[in-house]
Amino acid sequence: MSTPTLSSLTVGDVVAEAEFALSRDSLVRYAGASGDFNPIHYRDDVAASVGLPGVLAHGMLTMGLAAQPVVDWLGDAGRVVDYQVRFTRPVVVDAAEGAVVTVTAKVGRIDEDAARIDLTVTFRGETVLGKAQVLARLEP
């Protein structure tokens, strides 16, 4: 796949789409890699005791998954110069069914040397990351 260029883009283009299946095992692995062993990410009783609807995926895991399709499309993570999100809803990972996070990446703005890629990140049809945007430096 060739590296995208600014001249090949139009505002509104969908540049990447992906689905990510999460399981409780995924959360344990992420906890080990990140060092975030907060029990709301693996224990139903603790999640319920603090008023949560169930065990939650780590916010930073969700954020990282959301950016991955754009990084794959770019072919070089070094082209990402800024990445921002607002956490709007949790991703509840059911013990039996897991969870599926869906990402759609669209061109939101084209500047002289970069493109803003707007991400729609959903779980069960609801947005879980608001104002999720990647700024990617690209050649003209």
N, C-alpha and C. Protein backbone atom coordinates (compact mmCIF):
# COMPACT_ATOMS: atom_id res chain seq x y z
N MET A 1 0.85 -1.18 0.00
CA MET A 1 0.00 0.00 0.00
C MET A 1 0.89 1.24 0.00
N SER A 2 0.53 2.21 -0.81
CA SER A 2 1.34 3.43 -0.88
C SER A 2 0.92 4.42 0.20
N THR A 3 1.84 5.31 0.53
CA THR A 3 1.58 6.33 1.53
C THR A 3 0.58 7.33 0.97
N PRO A 4 -0.48 7.64 1.71
CA PRO A 4 -1.45 8.62 1.21
C PRO A 4 -0.83 10.00 1.09
N THR A 5 -1.35 10.79 0.17
CA THR A 5 -0.92 12.18 -0.01
C THR A 5 -2.12 13.10 0.16
N LEU A 6 -1.85 14.36 0.46
CA LEU A 6 -2.93 15.32 0.63
C LEU A 6 -3.75 15.46 -0.65
N SER A 7 -3.08 15.46 -1.79
CA SER A 7 -3.79 15.65 -3.06
C SER A 7 -4.72 14.48 -3.39
N SER A 8 -4.53 13.34 -2.75
CA SER A 8 -5.39 12.18 -3.01
C SER A 8 -6.63 12.15 -2.12
N LEU A 9 -6.74 13.14 -1.22
CA LEU A 9 -7.82 13.14 -0.23
C LEU A 9 -8.89 14.18 -0.54
N THR A 10 -10.10 13.87 -0.10
CA THR A 10 -11.22 14.81 -0.16
C THR A 10 -11.90 14.76 1.21
N VAL A 11 -12.32 15.92 1.70
CA VAL A 11 -13.05 15.95 2.97
C VAL A 11 -14.26 15.03 2.84
N GLY A 12 -14.43 14.17 3.84
CA GLY A 12 -15.53 13.22 3.86
C GLY A 12 -15.14 11.82 3.44
N ASP A 13 -13.96 11.66 2.82
CA ASP A 13 -13.49 10.32 2.44
C ASP A 13 -13.34 9.43 3.68
N VAL A 14 -13.84 8.22 3.59
CA VAL A 14 -13.57 7.22 4.62
C VAL A 14 -12.23 6.59 4.27
N VAL A 15 -11.26 6.72 5.16
CA VAL A 15 -9.91 6.21 4.87
C VAL A 15 -9.60 4.90 5.58
N ALA A 16 -10.38 4.57 6.59
CA ALA A 16 -10.13 3.32 7.31
C ALA A 16 -11.37 2.95 8.13
N GLU A 17 -11.57 1.64 8.25
CA GLU A 17 -12.63 1.11 9.11
C GLU A 17 -12.10 -0.16 9.76
N ALA A 18 -12.55 -0.42 10.98
CA ALA A 18 -12.11 -1.63 11.66
C ALA A 18 -13.06 -1.97 12.79
N GLU A 19 -13.06 -3.24 13.15
CA GLU A 19 -13.77 -3.72 14.34
C GLU A 19 -12.77 -4.44 15.22
N PHE A 20 -12.89 -4.22 16.52
CA PHE A 20 -11.99 -4.84 17.48
C PHE A 20 -12.81 -5.60 18.51
N ALA A 21 -12.61 -6.90 18.58
CA ALA A 21 -13.29 -7.73 19.57
C ALA A 21 -12.45 -7.75 20.84
N LEU A 22 -13.11 -7.44 21.95
CA LEU A 22 -12.45 -7.46 23.26
C LEU A 22 -13.05 -8.57 24.11
N SER A 23 -12.21 -9.19 24.89
CA SER A 23 -12.64 -10.20 25.86
C SER A 23 -12.06 -9.82 27.21
N ARG A 24 -12.47 -10.52 28.23
CA ARG A 24 -11.87 -10.29 29.54
C ARG A 24 -10.38 -10.60 29.49
N ASP A 25 -10.00 -11.60 28.69
CA ASP A 25 -8.58 -11.90 28.52
C ASP A 25 -7.83 -10.70 27.94
N SER A 26 -8.46 -10.01 26.99
CA SER A 26 -7.84 -8.81 26.41
C SER A 26 -7.54 -7.78 27.49
N LEU A 27 -8.48 -7.63 28.42
CA LEU A 27 -8.32 -6.64 29.48
C LEU A 27 -7.19 -7.02 30.43
N VAL A 28 -7.09 -8.30 30.74
CA VAL A 28 -6.01 -8.78 31.62
C VAL A 28 -4.66 -8.56 30.94
N ARG A 29 -4.59 -8.88 29.66
CA ARG A 29 -3.33 -8.67 28.92
C ARG A 29 -2.95 -7.19 28.90
N TYR A 30 -3.96 -6.33 28.64
CA TYR A 30 -3.69 -4.89 28.61
C TYR A 30 -3.25 -4.41 30.01
N ALA A 31 -3.89 -4.91 31.05
CA ALA A 31 -3.50 -4.52 32.41
C ALA A 31 -2.04 -4.86 32.66
N GLY A 32 -1.64 -6.05 32.22
CA GLY A 32 -0.24 -6.45 32.40
C GLY A 32 0.72 -5.56 31.63
N ALA A 33 0.34 -5.17 30.42
CA ALA A 33 1.21 -4.33 29.60
C ALA A 33 1.27 -2.90 30.11
N SER A 34 0.14 -2.41 30.61
CA SER A 34 0.07 -1.00 31.02
C SER A 34 0.37 -0.78 32.50
N GLY A 35 0.21 -1.83 33.30
CA GLY A 35 0.38 -1.68 34.74
C GLY A 35 -0.87 -1.17 35.42
N ASP A 36 -2.00 -1.04 34.69
CA ASP A 36 -3.25 -0.55 35.26
C ASP A 36 -4.08 -1.75 35.71
N PHE A 37 -3.93 -2.12 36.98
CA PHE A 37 -4.64 -3.26 37.53
C PHE A 37 -5.84 -2.85 38.37
N ASN A 38 -6.47 -1.73 38.04
CA ASN A 38 -7.68 -1.32 38.73
C ASN A 38 -8.71 -2.44 38.55
N PRO A 39 -9.27 -2.97 39.64
CA PRO A 39 -10.16 -4.12 39.53
C PRO A 39 -11.46 -3.87 38.77
N ILE A 40 -11.81 -2.63 38.47
CA ILE A 40 -13.01 -2.39 37.65
C ILE A 40 -12.82 -2.93 36.23
N HIS A 41 -11.58 -3.27 35.90
CA HIS A 41 -11.28 -3.79 34.57
C HIS A 41 -11.27 -5.32 34.50
N TYR A 42 -11.55 -5.98 35.65
CA TYR A 42 -11.57 -7.44 35.60
C TYR A 42 -12.48 -8.10 36.63
N ARG A 43 -13.04 -7.33 37.57
CA ARG A 43 -13.89 -7.93 38.61
C ARG A 43 -15.28 -7.32 38.60
N ASP A 44 -16.28 -8.16 38.33
CA ASP A 44 -17.66 -7.70 38.30
C ASP A 44 -18.11 -7.12 39.64
N ASP A 45 -17.72 -7.77 40.74
CA ASP A 45 -18.18 -7.31 42.05
C ASP A 45 -17.65 -5.92 42.37
N VAL A 46 -16.42 -5.64 42.02
CA VAL A 46 -15.84 -4.31 42.28
C VAL A 46 -16.50 -3.27 41.38
N ALA A 47 -16.68 -3.60 40.10
CA ALA A 47 -17.34 -2.67 39.19
C ALA A 47 -18.74 -2.32 39.70
N ALA A 48 -19.50 -3.33 40.13
CA ALA A 48 -20.85 -3.10 40.65
C ALA A 48 -20.82 -2.28 41.93
N SER A 49 -19.83 -2.51 42.79
CA SER A 49 -19.77 -1.80 44.07
C SER A 49 -19.54 -0.30 43.91
N VAL A 50 -19.01 0.11 42.77
CA VAL A 50 -18.80 1.55 42.54
C VAL A 50 -19.81 2.11 41.53
N GLY A 51 -20.87 1.32 41.27
CA GLY A 51 -21.98 1.81 40.46
C GLY A 51 -21.80 1.68 38.95
N LEU A 52 -20.85 0.88 38.54
CA LEU A 52 -20.64 0.69 37.10
C LEU A 52 -21.54 -0.42 36.56
N PRO A 53 -21.88 -0.37 35.27
CA PRO A 53 -22.76 -1.39 34.69
C PRO A 53 -22.09 -2.74 34.46
N GLY A 54 -20.80 -2.82 34.70
CA GLY A 54 -20.04 -4.05 34.52
C GLY A 54 -18.57 -3.74 34.41
N VAL A 55 -17.78 -4.74 34.09
CA VAL A 55 -16.34 -4.57 33.91
C VAL A 55 -16.10 -3.71 32.67
N LEU A 56 -15.24 -2.71 32.81
CA LEU A 56 -15.00 -1.76 31.73
C LEU A 56 -13.64 -1.99 31.07
N ALA A 57 -13.61 -1.80 29.76
CA ALA A 57 -12.33 -1.76 29.06
C ALA A 57 -11.58 -0.52 29.51
N HIS A 58 -10.28 -0.59 29.58
CA HIS A 58 -9.45 0.56 29.92
C HIS A 58 -9.68 1.65 28.87
N GLY A 59 -9.82 2.88 29.31
CA GLY A 59 -10.00 3.99 28.38
C GLY A 59 -8.84 4.12 27.41
N MET A 60 -7.63 3.94 27.91
CA MET A 60 -6.46 4.07 27.03
C MET A 60 -6.38 2.92 26.03
N LEU A 61 -6.92 1.76 26.37
CA LEU A 61 -6.99 0.66 25.42
C LEU A 61 -7.93 1.03 24.28
N THR A 62 -9.09 1.54 24.63
CA THR A 62 -10.06 1.97 23.62
C THR A 62 -9.47 3.06 22.74
N MET A 63 -8.79 4.01 23.35
CA MET A 63 -8.17 5.10 22.60
C MET A 63 -7.10 4.57 21.64
N GLY A 64 -6.30 3.63 22.11
CA GLY A 64 -5.25 3.05 21.26
C GLY A 64 -5.84 2.27 20.10
N LEU A 65 -6.87 1.47 20.37
CA LEU A 65 -7.51 0.72 19.30
C LEU A 65 -8.08 1.66 18.24
N ALA A 66 -8.66 2.77 18.68
CA ALA A 66 -9.30 3.70 17.75
C ALA A 66 -8.30 4.32 16.77
N ALA A 67 -7.09 4.54 17.21
CA ALA A 67 -6.08 5.16 16.34
C ALA A 67 -5.44 4.16 15.38
N GLN A 68 -5.49 2.87 15.72
CA GLN A 68 -4.76 1.87 14.94
C GLN A 68 -5.14 1.82 13.46
N PRO A 69 -6.42 1.90 13.09
CA PRO A 69 -6.74 1.88 11.66
C PRO A 69 -6.12 3.05 10.89
N VAL A 70 -6.01 4.19 11.53
CA VAL A 70 -5.40 5.36 10.88
C VAL A 70 -3.90 5.14 10.72
N VAL A 71 -3.26 4.62 11.75
CA VAL A 71 -1.83 4.32 11.67
C VAL A 71 -1.57 3.30 10.55
N ASP A 72 -2.42 2.29 10.46
CA ASP A 72 -2.27 1.29 9.40
C ASP A 72 -2.42 1.95 8.02
N TRP A 73 -3.39 2.82 7.88
CA TRP A 73 -3.63 3.53 6.61
C TRP A 73 -2.44 4.42 6.26
N LEU A 74 -1.89 5.11 7.26
CA LEU A 74 -0.74 5.99 7.03
C LEU A 74 0.52 5.21 6.68
N GLY A 75 0.65 4.02 7.26
CA GLY A 75 1.84 3.22 7.04
C GLY A 75 3.03 3.63 7.87
N ASP A 76 2.85 4.62 8.73
CA ASP A 76 3.95 5.15 9.54
C ASP A 76 3.37 5.92 10.72
N ALA A 77 3.50 5.39 11.92
CA ALA A 77 2.97 6.06 13.12
C ALA A 77 3.60 7.42 13.33
N GLY A 78 4.80 7.64 12.79
CA GLY A 78 5.48 8.92 12.93
C GLY A 78 4.78 10.06 12.21
N ARG A 79 3.83 9.74 11.34
CA ARG A 79 3.07 10.79 10.64
C ARG A 79 1.99 11.41 11.53
N VAL A 80 1.66 10.74 12.63
CA VAL A 80 0.67 11.27 13.56
C VAL A 80 1.34 12.36 14.40
N VAL A 81 0.84 13.58 14.29
CA VAL A 81 1.43 14.69 15.04
C VAL A 81 0.56 15.11 16.22
N ASP A 82 -0.70 14.67 16.24
CA ASP A 82 -1.58 14.99 17.37
C ASP A 82 -2.73 13.98 17.36
N TYR A 83 -3.18 13.63 18.55
CA TYR A 83 -4.31 12.71 18.69
C TYR A 83 -5.06 13.09 19.95
N GLN A 84 -6.35 13.33 19.80
CA GLN A 84 -7.16 13.76 20.94
C GLN A 84 -8.48 13.03 20.94
N VAL A 85 -9.00 12.76 22.13
CA VAL A 85 -10.34 12.20 22.27
C VAL A 85 -10.98 12.75 23.54
N ARG A 86 -12.28 12.59 23.60
CA ARG A 86 -13.03 12.79 24.85
C ARG A 86 -13.71 11.46 25.14
N PHE A 87 -13.57 10.98 26.34
CA PHE A 87 -14.22 9.73 26.73
C PHE A 87 -15.67 10.05 27.07
N THR A 88 -16.61 9.47 26.31
CA THR A 88 -18.02 9.81 26.48
C THR A 88 -18.85 8.70 27.10
N ARG A 89 -18.51 7.44 26.82
CA ARG A 89 -19.22 6.29 27.38
C ARG A 89 -18.22 5.16 27.59
N PRO A 90 -18.48 4.33 28.58
CA PRO A 90 -17.58 3.19 28.79
C PRO A 90 -17.89 2.04 27.82
N VAL A 91 -16.90 1.20 27.63
CA VAL A 91 -17.07 -0.05 26.89
C VAL A 91 -17.17 -1.15 27.94
N VAL A 92 -18.35 -1.72 28.08
CA VAL A 92 -18.59 -2.78 29.06
C VAL A 92 -18.26 -4.11 28.38
N VAL A 93 -17.36 -4.85 28.99
CA VAL A 93 -16.91 -6.12 28.41
C VAL A 93 -17.55 -7.27 29.19
N ASP A 94 -18.55 -7.87 28.58
CA ASP A 94 -19.28 -8.98 29.19
C ASP A 94 -18.37 -10.20 29.32
N ALA A 95 -18.51 -10.93 30.41
CA ALA A 95 -17.64 -12.10 30.64
C ALA A 95 -17.81 -13.17 29.57
N ALA A 96 -19.01 -13.37 29.07
CA ALA A 96 -19.25 -14.40 28.07
C ALA A 96 -19.18 -13.87 26.64
N GLU A 97 -19.80 -12.73 26.40
CA GLU A 97 -19.92 -12.19 25.04
C GLU A 97 -18.79 -11.26 24.63
N GLY A 98 -18.07 -10.72 25.59
CA GLY A 98 -17.04 -9.73 25.28
C GLY A 98 -17.66 -8.43 24.81
N ALA A 99 -16.98 -7.74 23.92
CA ALA A 99 -17.45 -6.47 23.38
C ALA A 99 -16.78 -6.24 22.04
N VAL A 100 -17.46 -5.52 21.17
CA VAL A 100 -16.89 -5.17 19.88
C VAL A 100 -16.91 -3.65 19.74
N VAL A 101 -15.73 -3.08 19.50
CA VAL A 101 -15.58 -1.64 19.27
C VAL A 101 -15.39 -1.43 17.78
N THR A 102 -16.17 -0.53 17.20
CA THR A 102 -16.13 -0.25 15.77
C THR A 102 -15.55 1.15 15.54
N VAL A 103 -14.65 1.25 14.56
CA VAL A 103 -13.99 2.52 14.25
C VAL A 103 -14.17 2.84 12.77
N THR A 104 -14.59 4.07 12.49
CA THR A 104 -14.62 4.60 11.13
C THR A 104 -13.82 5.89 11.13
N ALA A 105 -12.87 6.00 10.20
CA ALA A 105 -11.99 7.17 10.10
C ALA A 105 -12.29 7.91 8.80
N LYS A 106 -12.65 9.20 8.93
CA LYS A 106 -12.98 10.04 7.77
C LYS A 106 -12.11 11.28 7.76
N VAL A 107 -11.82 11.77 6.57
CA VAL A 107 -11.09 13.03 6.42
C VAL A 107 -12.03 14.16 6.85
N GLY A 108 -11.60 14.91 7.86
CA GLY A 108 -12.40 16.02 8.38
C GLY A 108 -11.94 17.37 7.90
N ARG A 109 -10.65 17.49 7.63
CA ARG A 109 -10.08 18.77 7.17
C ARG A 109 -8.76 18.49 6.49
N ILE A 110 -8.46 19.29 5.49
CA ILE A 110 -7.17 19.18 4.80
C ILE A 110 -6.49 20.54 4.89
N ASP A 111 -5.28 20.55 5.42
CA ASP A 111 -4.48 21.77 5.53
C ASP A 111 -3.33 21.70 4.53
N GLU A 112 -2.44 22.66 4.64
CA GLU A 112 -1.30 22.75 3.72
C GLU A 112 -0.37 21.54 3.81
N ASP A 113 -0.18 21.02 5.02
CA ASP A 113 0.77 19.92 5.18
C ASP A 113 0.24 18.77 6.04
N ALA A 114 -1.05 18.80 6.35
CA ALA A 114 -1.61 17.77 7.22
C ALA A 114 -3.10 17.58 6.94
N ALA A 115 -3.60 16.46 7.38
CA ALA A 115 -5.03 16.18 7.30
C ALA A 115 -5.52 15.81 8.70
N ARG A 116 -6.71 16.32 9.02
CA ARG A 116 -7.35 15.92 10.27
C ARG A 116 -8.28 14.77 9.93
N ILE A 117 -8.09 13.66 10.63
CA ILE A 117 -8.91 12.48 10.44
C ILE A 117 -9.84 12.36 11.64
N ASP A 118 -11.12 12.40 11.38
CA ASP A 118 -12.13 12.32 12.43
C ASP A 118 -12.54 10.86 12.61
N LEU A 119 -12.55 10.42 13.85
CA LEU A 119 -12.88 9.03 14.17
C LEU A 119 -14.27 8.93 14.78
N THR A 120 -15.03 7.98 14.31
CA THR A 120 -16.28 7.62 14.95
C THR A 120 -16.03 6.27 15.59
N VAL A 121 -16.13 6.24 16.91
CA VAL A 121 -15.80 5.04 17.68
C VAL A 121 -17.04 4.64 18.47
N THR A 122 -17.56 3.44 18.17
CA THR A 122 -18.81 3.04 18.78
C THR A 122 -18.73 1.66 19.43
N PHE A 123 -19.63 1.46 20.37
CA PHE A 123 -19.85 0.18 21.03
C PHE A 123 -21.36 0.04 21.19
N ARG A 124 -21.90 -1.05 20.69
CA ARG A 124 -23.36 -1.28 20.71
C ARG A 124 -24.11 -0.11 20.08
N GLY A 125 -23.55 0.47 19.03
CA GLY A 125 -24.21 1.54 18.30
C GLY A 125 -24.12 2.91 18.94
N GLU A 126 -23.45 3.02 20.06
CA GLU A 126 -23.32 4.31 20.75
C GLU A 126 -21.87 4.78 20.72
N THR A 127 -21.69 6.08 20.56
CA THR A 127 -20.35 6.66 20.52
C THR A 127 -19.70 6.56 21.88
N VAL A 128 -18.44 6.07 21.90
CA VAL A 128 -17.72 5.94 23.17
C VAL A 128 -16.56 6.93 23.27
N LEU A 129 -16.12 7.47 22.15
CA LEU A 129 -15.10 8.52 22.14
C LEU A 129 -15.64 9.68 21.34
N GLY A 130 -15.73 10.84 21.99
CA GLY A 130 -16.21 12.02 21.30
C GLY A 130 -15.04 12.87 20.83
N LYS A 131 -15.27 13.63 19.80
CA LYS A 131 -14.26 14.53 19.24
C LYS A 131 -12.90 13.82 19.11
N ALA A 132 -12.96 12.61 18.61
CA ALA A 132 -11.75 11.82 18.41
C ALA A 132 -11.14 12.24 17.08
N GLN A 133 -9.94 12.79 17.15
CA GLN A 133 -9.30 13.34 15.94
C GLN A 133 -7.81 13.04 15.92
N VAL A 134 -7.35 12.62 14.74
CA VAL A 134 -5.94 12.39 14.52
C VAL A 134 -5.47 13.44 13.52
N LEU A 135 -4.38 14.13 13.81
CA LEU A 135 -3.76 15.04 12.86
C LEU A 135 -2.57 14.34 12.28
N ALA A 136 -2.58 14.15 10.95
CA ALA A 136 -1.53 13.40 10.27
C ALA A 136 -0.81 14.28 9.26
N ARG A 137 0.50 14.33 9.37
CA ARG A 137 1.32 15.09 8.42
C ARG A 137 1.51 14.24 7.17
N LEU A 138 1.19 14.84 6.03
CA LEU A 138 1.27 14.13 4.74
C LEU A 138 1.94 15.02 3.70
N GLU A 139 2.50 14.38 2.70
CA GLU A 139 3.08 15.10 1.57
C GLU A 139 1.94 15.64 0.70
N PRO A 140 2.23 16.74 -0.03
CA PRO A 140 1.19 17.30 -0.91
C PRO A 140 0.77 16.29 -1.96
